[in-house]
């Protein structure tokens, strides 16, 4: 599995490149076996680091990515769809 820190950096870079390329949407897909669901499932995280164990820890990766992606695009013409 990709480490949380490495994945955070890569997703933040990707969001910046998407804005620079003129994309209108960045989707953070958190289901169906993609990377976010890998961190979310207790059977995948093992509870051995800050991304495992309790529900709050398992949600941490997605929330960190959401925050970092938003910080990359906040100065552009983007808005968040809730």
C-alpha atoms as a PDB file:
ATOM      1  CA  UNK A   1       0.000   0.000   0.000  1.00  0.00           C
ATOM      2  CA  UNK A   2       1.145   3.561  -0.711  1.00  0.00           C
ATOM      3  CA  UNK A   3       2.198   5.477   2.382  1.00  0.00           C
ATOM      4  CA  UNK A   4      -0.198   8.186   3.522  1.00  0.00           C
ATOM      5  CA  UNK A   5       2.345  11.000   3.265  1.00  0.00           C
ATOM      6  CA  UNK A   6       3.481  10.051  -0.237  1.00  0.00           C
ATOM      7  CA  UNK A   7      -0.106   9.739  -1.441  1.00  0.00           C
ATOM      8  CA  UNK A   8      -1.047  13.112   0.095  1.00  0.00           C
ATOM      9  CA  UNK A   9       1.785  14.816  -1.746  1.00  0.00           C
ATOM     10  CA  UNK A  10       0.930  13.147  -5.056  1.00  0.00           C
ATOM     11  CA  UNK A  11      -2.776  13.993  -4.818  1.00  0.00           C
ATOM     12  CA  UNK A  12      -2.007  17.617  -3.962  1.00  0.00           C
ATOM     13  CA  UNK A  13       0.360  17.855  -6.939  1.00  0.00           C
ATOM     14  CA  UNK A  14      -2.274  16.282  -9.169  1.00  0.00           C
ATOM     15  CA  UNK A  15      -4.906  18.793  -8.120  1.00  0.00           C
ATOM     16  CA  UNK A  16      -2.545  21.664  -8.893  1.00  0.00           C
ATOM     17  CA  UNK A  17      -1.799  20.214 -12.337  1.00  0.00           C
ATOM     18  CA  UNK A  18      -5.523  19.765 -12.993  1.00  0.00           C
ATOM     19  CA  UNK A  19      -6.182  23.445 -12.257  1.00  0.00           C
ATOM     20  CA  UNK A  20      -3.244  24.504 -14.428  1.00  0.00           C
ATOM     21  CA  UNK A  21      -4.551  22.317 -17.263  1.00  0.00           C
ATOM     22  CA  UNK A  22      -7.983  23.962 -17.061  1.00  0.00           C
ATOM     23  CA  UNK A  23     -10.018  21.097 -15.606  1.00  0.00           C
ATOM     24  CA  UNK A  24     -13.393  22.081 -14.167  1.00  0.00           C
ATOM     25  CA  UNK A  25     -13.757  19.226 -11.652  1.00  0.00           C
ATOM     26  CA  UNK A  26     -11.622  17.256  -9.227  1.00  0.00           C
ATOM     27  CA  UNK A  27     -13.404  14.228  -7.820  1.00  0.00           C
ATOM     28  CA  UNK A  28     -12.243  12.541  -4.654  1.00  0.00           C
ATOM     29  CA  UNK A  29     -13.763   9.104  -5.169  1.00  0.00           C
ATOM     30  CA  UNK A  30     -13.864   7.249  -1.857  1.00  0.00           C
ATOM     31  CA  UNK A  31     -15.517   3.950  -2.746  1.00  0.00           C
ATOM     32  CA  UNK A  32     -15.079   0.777  -4.783  1.00  0.00           C
ATOM     33  CA  UNK A  33     -11.533  -0.144  -3.764  1.00  0.00           C
ATOM     34  CA  UNK A  34      -9.830   3.095  -4.699  1.00  0.00           C
ATOM     35  CA  UNK A  35      -7.115   4.484  -2.430  1.00  0.00           C
ATOM     36  CA  UNK A  36      -9.436   6.296  -0.015  1.00  0.00           C
ATOM     37  CA  UNK A  37     -11.430   3.173   0.735  1.00  0.00           C
ATOM     38  CA  UNK A  38      -8.166   1.301   1.322  1.00  0.00           C
ATOM     39  CA  UNK A  39      -7.428   3.655   4.209  1.00  0.00           C
ATOM     40  CA  UNK A  40     -11.021   3.637   5.419  1.00  0.00           C
ATOM     41  CA  UNK A  41     -11.384  -0.135   5.844  1.00  0.00           C
ATOM     42  CA  UNK A  42     -10.129  -1.494   9.181  1.00  0.00           C
ATOM     43  CA  UNK A  43      -9.055  -4.735   7.479  1.00  0.00           C
ATOM     44  CA  UNK A  44      -6.671  -2.741   5.269  1.00  0.00           C
ATOM     45  CA  UNK A  45      -5.190  -0.264   7.765  1.00  0.00           C
ATOM     46  CA  UNK A  46      -4.311  -2.683  10.544  1.00  0.00           C
ATOM     47  CA  UNK A  47      -4.538  -0.015  13.214  1.00  0.00           C
ATOM     48  CA  UNK A  48      -0.778   0.418  13.446  1.00  0.00           C
ATOM     49  CA  UNK A  49      -0.384   4.105  12.582  1.00  0.00           C
ATOM     50  CA  UNK A  50      -2.322   7.368  12.655  1.00  0.00           C
ATOM     51  CA  UNK A  51      -4.485   6.165   9.757  1.00  0.00           C
ATOM     52  CA  UNK A  52      -5.651   2.951  11.411  1.00  0.00           C
ATOM     53  CA  UNK A  53      -7.729   1.805  14.323  1.00  0.00           C
ATOM     54  CA  UNK A  54     -10.678   3.969  15.331  1.00  0.00           C
ATOM     55  CA  UNK A  55     -13.061   5.551  12.822  1.00  0.00           C
ATOM     56  CA  UNK A  56     -11.569   9.023  13.312  1.00  0.00           C
ATOM     57  CA  UNK A  57      -8.109   7.742  12.355  1.00  0.00           C
ATOM     58  CA  UNK A  58      -9.421   5.821   9.347  1.00  0.00           C
ATOM     59  CA  UNK A  59     -11.159   8.979   8.076  1.00  0.00           C
ATOM     60  CA  UNK A  60      -8.007  11.053   8.584  1.00  0.00           C
ATOM     61  CA  UNK A  61      -6.462  10.316   5.177  1.00  0.00           C
ATOM     62  CA  UNK A  62      -9.519  11.427   3.182  1.00  0.00           C
ATOM     63  CA  UNK A  63      -9.926  14.549   5.322  1.00  0.00           C
ATOM     64  CA  UNK A  64      -6.243  15.452   4.896  1.00  0.00           C
ATOM     65  CA  UNK A  65      -6.471  15.009   1.133  1.00  0.00           C
ATOM     66  CA  UNK A  66      -9.671  17.064   1.008  1.00  0.00           C
ATOM     67  CA  UNK A  67      -7.965  19.861   2.963  1.00  0.00           C
ATOM     68  CA  UNK A  68      -4.801  19.761   0.853  1.00  0.00           C
ATOM     69  CA  UNK A  69      -6.621  19.635  -2.480  1.00  0.00           C
ATOM     70  CA  UNK A  70      -8.822  22.526  -1.413  1.00  0.00           C
ATOM     71  CA  UNK A  71      -5.767  24.549  -0.393  1.00  0.00           C
ATOM     72  CA  UNK A  72      -4.288  23.977  -3.862  1.00  0.00           C
ATOM     73  CA  UNK A  73      -7.384  25.168  -5.727  1.00  0.00           C
ATOM     74  CA  UNK A  74      -8.756  27.792  -3.321  1.00  0.00           C
ATOM     75  CA  UNK A  75      -7.161  30.718  -5.158  1.00  0.00           C
ATOM     76  CA  UNK A  76      -8.574  29.662  -8.509  1.00  0.00           C
ATOM     77  CA  UNK A  77     -12.083  30.020  -9.866  1.00  0.00           C
ATOM     78  CA  UNK A  78     -13.080  26.788  -8.099  1.00  0.00           C
ATOM     79  CA  UNK A  79     -15.830  26.208  -5.636  1.00  0.00           C
ATOM     80  CA  UNK A  80     -16.649  23.152  -3.559  1.00  0.00           C
ATOM     81  CA  UNK A  81     -19.649  21.017  -4.364  1.00  0.00           C
ATOM     82  CA  UNK A  82     -21.072  19.592  -1.180  1.00  0.00           C
END
